Amino acid sequence: MTDVLKALKSANFLVDAHGQRVAVQLSMASWETLLDWVEKQEDAAIVKAAIPQLKQLRSGSASEEWLDWDAVKEQWDED
């Protein structure tokens, strides 16, 4: 989180003739730090949403949405 705060604090603002902020400029390193943070937040949300389904799977009552890996692994697109 320290890196994210550091990236945010490094922002440079472009202001218009009235002194209003109209754009922001970041270094590529700061931009990539922020993108990584956003992606981690998205991943955490996906995992959090899946926890109830995983608990259901653990209890032996698998959801109809879950697929057996052995049945689908041949179709997996490895890029």
N, C-alpha and C. Protein backbone atom coordinates (compact mmCIF):
# COMPACT_ATOMS: atom_id res chain seq x y z
N MET A 1 0.82 -1.19 0.00
CA MET A 1 0.00 0.00 0.00
C MET A 1 0.87 1.26 0.00
N THR A 2 2.03 1.18 0.60
CA THR A 2 2.93 2.32 0.63
C THR A 2 3.31 2.74 -0.79
N ASP A 3 3.56 1.76 -1.67
CA ASP A 3 3.91 2.08 -3.06
C ASP A 3 2.77 2.79 -3.77
N VAL A 4 1.53 2.39 -3.47
CA VAL A 4 0.36 3.02 -4.10
C VAL A 4 0.26 4.47 -3.64
N LEU A 5 0.42 4.69 -2.35
CA LEU A 5 0.36 6.06 -1.85
C LEU A 5 1.48 6.91 -2.44
N LYS A 6 2.65 6.33 -2.55
CA LYS A 6 3.78 7.04 -3.13
C LYS A 6 3.48 7.39 -4.60
N ALA A 7 2.88 6.45 -5.33
CA ALA A 7 2.53 6.70 -6.73
C ALA A 7 1.49 7.81 -6.83
N LEU A 8 0.50 7.79 -5.97
CA LEU A 8 -0.53 8.83 -5.99
C LEU A 8 0.04 10.20 -5.65
N LYS A 9 0.95 10.23 -4.69
CA LYS A 9 1.55 11.50 -4.28
C LYS A 9 2.49 12.06 -5.35
N SER A 10 2.91 11.22 -6.28
CA SER A 10 3.82 11.69 -7.32
C SER A 10 3.08 12.32 -8.50
N ALA A 11 1.77 12.34 -8.45
CA ALA A 11 0.97 12.88 -9.55
C ALA A 11 1.24 14.36 -9.76
N ASN A 12 1.31 14.73 -11.02
CA ASN A 12 1.42 16.14 -11.41
C ASN A 12 0.12 16.52 -12.08
N PHE A 13 -0.39 17.69 -11.77
CA PHE A 13 -1.68 18.12 -12.30
C PHE A 13 -1.52 19.25 -13.31
N LEU A 14 -2.31 19.18 -14.34
CA LEU A 14 -2.40 20.25 -15.32
C LEU A 14 -3.62 21.08 -14.95
N VAL A 15 -3.44 22.38 -14.88
CA VAL A 15 -4.55 23.26 -14.51
C VAL A 15 -4.90 24.16 -15.68
N ASP A 16 -6.17 24.54 -15.74
CA ASP A 16 -6.61 25.44 -16.79
C ASP A 16 -6.37 26.90 -16.38
N ALA A 17 -6.83 27.82 -17.17
CA ALA A 17 -6.61 29.24 -16.93
C ALA A 17 -7.26 29.73 -15.64
N HIS A 18 -8.23 28.94 -15.13
CA HIS A 18 -8.93 29.30 -13.89
C HIS A 18 -8.36 28.59 -12.67
N GLY A 19 -7.30 27.85 -12.88
CA GLY A 19 -6.66 27.14 -11.78
C GLY A 19 -7.33 25.83 -11.41
N GLN A 20 -8.26 25.38 -12.26
CA GLN A 20 -8.95 24.11 -12.01
C GLN A 20 -8.13 22.95 -12.58
N ARG A 21 -8.01 21.89 -11.83
CA ARG A 21 -7.29 20.70 -12.31
C ARG A 21 -8.09 20.06 -13.45
N VAL A 22 -7.44 19.81 -14.56
CA VAL A 22 -8.13 19.24 -15.72
C VAL A 22 -7.48 17.94 -16.20
N ALA A 23 -6.28 17.64 -15.73
CA ALA A 23 -5.60 16.40 -16.15
C ALA A 23 -4.56 16.05 -15.10
N VAL A 24 -4.14 14.79 -15.16
CA VAL A 24 -3.11 14.32 -14.23
C VAL A 24 -2.05 13.58 -15.03
N GLN A 25 -0.82 13.70 -14.58
CA GLN A 25 0.31 13.04 -15.23
C GLN A 25 1.04 12.20 -14.20
N LEU A 26 1.33 10.96 -14.59
CA LEU A 26 2.09 10.04 -13.73
C LEU A 26 3.25 9.48 -14.52
N SER A 27 4.30 9.10 -13.82
CA SER A 27 5.38 8.37 -14.48
C SER A 27 4.85 6.98 -14.84
N MET A 28 5.50 6.34 -15.78
CA MET A 28 5.08 4.98 -16.15
C MET A 28 5.18 4.03 -14.96
N ALA A 29 6.20 4.20 -14.14
CA ALA A 29 6.36 3.33 -12.97
C ALA A 29 5.18 3.52 -12.01
N SER A 30 4.77 4.77 -11.79
CA SER A 30 3.63 5.02 -10.91
C SER A 30 2.35 4.47 -11.51
N TRP A 31 2.18 4.66 -12.81
CA TRP A 31 0.99 4.13 -13.50
C TRP A 31 0.92 2.61 -13.36
N GLU A 32 2.03 1.92 -13.57
CA GLU A 32 2.07 0.47 -13.46
C GLU A 32 1.81 0.02 -12.02
N THR A 33 2.30 0.76 -11.05
CA THR A 33 2.02 0.46 -9.65
C THR A 33 0.53 0.53 -9.37
N LEU A 34 -0.11 1.58 -9.89
CA LEU A 34 -1.56 1.72 -9.69
C LEU A 34 -2.34 0.64 -10.41
N LEU A 35 -1.94 0.29 -11.63
CA LEU A 35 -2.62 -0.79 -12.36
C LEU A 35 -2.49 -2.11 -11.62
N ASP A 36 -1.30 -2.41 -11.12
CA ASP A 36 -1.10 -3.64 -10.35
C ASP A 36 -2.01 -3.67 -9.13
N TRP A 37 -2.14 -2.54 -8.44
CA TRP A 37 -3.00 -2.46 -7.26
C TRP A 37 -4.45 -2.71 -7.63
N VAL A 38 -4.90 -2.11 -8.72
CA VAL A 38 -6.29 -2.30 -9.16
C VAL A 38 -6.54 -3.77 -9.50
N GLU A 39 -5.61 -4.39 -10.21
CA GLU A 39 -5.75 -5.80 -10.57
C GLU A 39 -5.81 -6.68 -9.33
N LYS A 40 -4.98 -6.38 -8.32
CA LYS A 40 -5.02 -7.17 -7.08
C LYS A 40 -6.35 -7.00 -6.37
N GLN A 41 -6.91 -5.79 -6.41
CA GLN A 41 -8.21 -5.56 -5.78
C GLN A 41 -9.30 -6.35 -6.50
N GLU A 42 -9.24 -6.39 -7.83
CA GLU A 42 -10.20 -7.17 -8.61
C GLU A 42 -10.07 -8.65 -8.29
N ASP A 43 -8.83 -9.15 -8.23
CA ASP A 43 -8.60 -10.56 -7.91
C ASP A 43 -9.13 -10.90 -6.52
N ALA A 44 -8.90 -10.00 -5.56
CA ALA A 44 -9.38 -10.23 -4.20
C ALA A 44 -10.90 -10.29 -4.17
N ALA A 45 -11.55 -9.44 -4.96
CA ALA A 45 -13.02 -9.45 -5.01
C ALA A 45 -13.54 -10.75 -5.61
N ILE A 46 -12.86 -11.26 -6.62
CA ILE A 46 -13.26 -12.52 -7.24
C ILE A 46 -13.15 -13.66 -6.23
N VAL A 47 -12.04 -13.70 -5.51
CA VAL A 47 -11.83 -14.75 -4.51
C VAL A 47 -12.88 -14.63 -3.40
N LYS A 48 -13.11 -13.42 -2.94
CA LYS A 48 -14.09 -13.22 -1.88
C LYS A 48 -15.48 -13.69 -2.31
N ALA A 49 -15.83 -13.40 -3.55
CA ALA A 49 -17.13 -13.83 -4.07
C ALA A 49 -17.21 -15.35 -4.21
N ALA A 50 -16.08 -16.00 -4.45
CA ALA A 50 -16.07 -17.45 -4.66
C ALA A 50 -16.03 -18.25 -3.36
N ILE A 51 -15.70 -17.61 -2.25
CA ILE A 51 -15.55 -18.33 -0.98
C ILE A 51 -16.80 -19.12 -0.60
N PRO A 52 -18.00 -18.56 -0.68
CA PRO A 52 -19.18 -19.37 -0.34
C PRO A 52 -19.32 -20.62 -1.23
N GLN A 53 -19.00 -20.47 -2.52
CA GLN A 53 -19.08 -21.62 -3.41
C GLN A 53 -18.00 -22.65 -3.07
N LEU A 54 -16.82 -22.18 -2.71
CA LEU A 54 -15.75 -23.10 -2.33
C LEU A 54 -16.10 -23.86 -1.05
N LYS A 55 -16.72 -23.17 -0.11
CA LYS A 55 -17.16 -23.83 1.12
C LYS A 55 -18.22 -24.88 0.81
N GLN A 56 -19.10 -24.55 -0.12
CA GLN A 56 -20.14 -25.50 -0.52
C GLN A 56 -19.50 -26.72 -1.19
N LEU A 57 -18.50 -26.48 -2.01
CA LEU A 57 -17.79 -27.56 -2.68
C LEU A 57 -17.08 -28.44 -1.66
N ARG A 58 -16.46 -27.82 -0.67
CA ARG A 58 -15.76 -28.57 0.38
C ARG A 58 -16.71 -29.46 1.15
N SER A 59 -17.94 -28.98 1.36
CA SER A 59 -18.91 -29.76 2.12
C SER A 59 -19.47 -30.94 1.33
N GLY A 60 -19.12 -31.02 0.05
CA GLY A 60 -19.55 -32.15 -0.75
C GLY A 60 -20.78 -31.87 -1.59
N SER A 61 -21.35 -30.71 -1.47
CA SER A 61 -22.53 -30.37 -2.27
C SER A 61 -22.11 -29.38 -3.36
N ALA A 62 -21.51 -29.90 -4.40
CA ALA A 62 -20.96 -29.06 -5.47
C ALA A 62 -22.06 -28.33 -6.22
N SER A 63 -21.77 -27.12 -6.61
CA SER A 63 -22.69 -26.30 -7.38
C SER A 63 -22.76 -26.81 -8.80
N GLU A 64 -23.89 -26.59 -9.45
CA GLU A 64 -24.04 -26.99 -10.85
C GLU A 64 -23.13 -26.15 -11.76
N GLU A 65 -22.68 -25.00 -11.27
CA GLU A 65 -21.81 -24.14 -12.08
C GLU A 65 -20.38 -24.66 -12.16
N TRP A 66 -19.99 -25.53 -11.23
CA TRP A 66 -18.63 -26.05 -11.20
C TRP A 66 -18.50 -27.19 -12.19
N LEU A 67 -17.35 -27.24 -12.86
CA LEU A 67 -17.07 -28.29 -13.82
C LEU A 67 -15.95 -29.17 -13.31
N ASP A 68 -16.00 -30.44 -13.67
CA ASP A 68 -14.94 -31.37 -13.32
C ASP A 68 -13.73 -31.08 -14.21
N TRP A 69 -12.58 -30.84 -13.60
CA TRP A 69 -11.38 -30.48 -14.36
C TRP A 69 -11.02 -31.54 -15.40
N ASP A 70 -11.09 -32.81 -15.03
CA ASP A 70 -10.73 -33.87 -15.96
C ASP A 70 -11.62 -33.84 -17.20
N ALA A 71 -12.86 -33.37 -17.05
CA ALA A 71 -13.78 -33.33 -18.17
C ALA A 71 -13.51 -32.14 -19.11
N VAL A 72 -12.84 -31.10 -18.63
CA VAL A 72 -12.66 -29.90 -19.45
C VAL A 72 -11.22 -29.54 -19.74
N LYS A 73 -10.25 -30.24 -19.15
CA LYS A 73 -8.86 -29.83 -19.31
C LYS A 73 -8.37 -29.89 -20.75
N GLU A 74 -8.94 -30.75 -21.56
CA GLU A 74 -8.54 -30.84 -22.97
C GLU A 74 -8.95 -29.59 -23.74
N GLN A 75 -9.99 -28.92 -23.28
CA GLN A 75 -10.52 -27.74 -23.96
C GLN A 75 -9.85 -26.45 -23.49
N TRP A 76 -9.02 -26.53 -22.46
CA TRP A 76 -8.39 -25.34 -21.88
C TRP A 76 -7.47 -24.69 -22.90
N ASP A 77 -7.63 -23.40 -23.09
CA ASP A 77 -6.82 -22.66 -24.05
C ASP A 77 -5.61 -22.09 -23.35
N GLU A 78 -4.46 -22.67 -23.59
CA GLU A 78 -3.22 -22.20 -22.95
C GLU A 78 -2.51 -21.23 -23.87
N ASP A 79 -2.53 -19.97 -23.49
CA ASP A 79 -1.86 -18.93 -24.28
C ASP A 79 -0.55 -18.55 -23.62
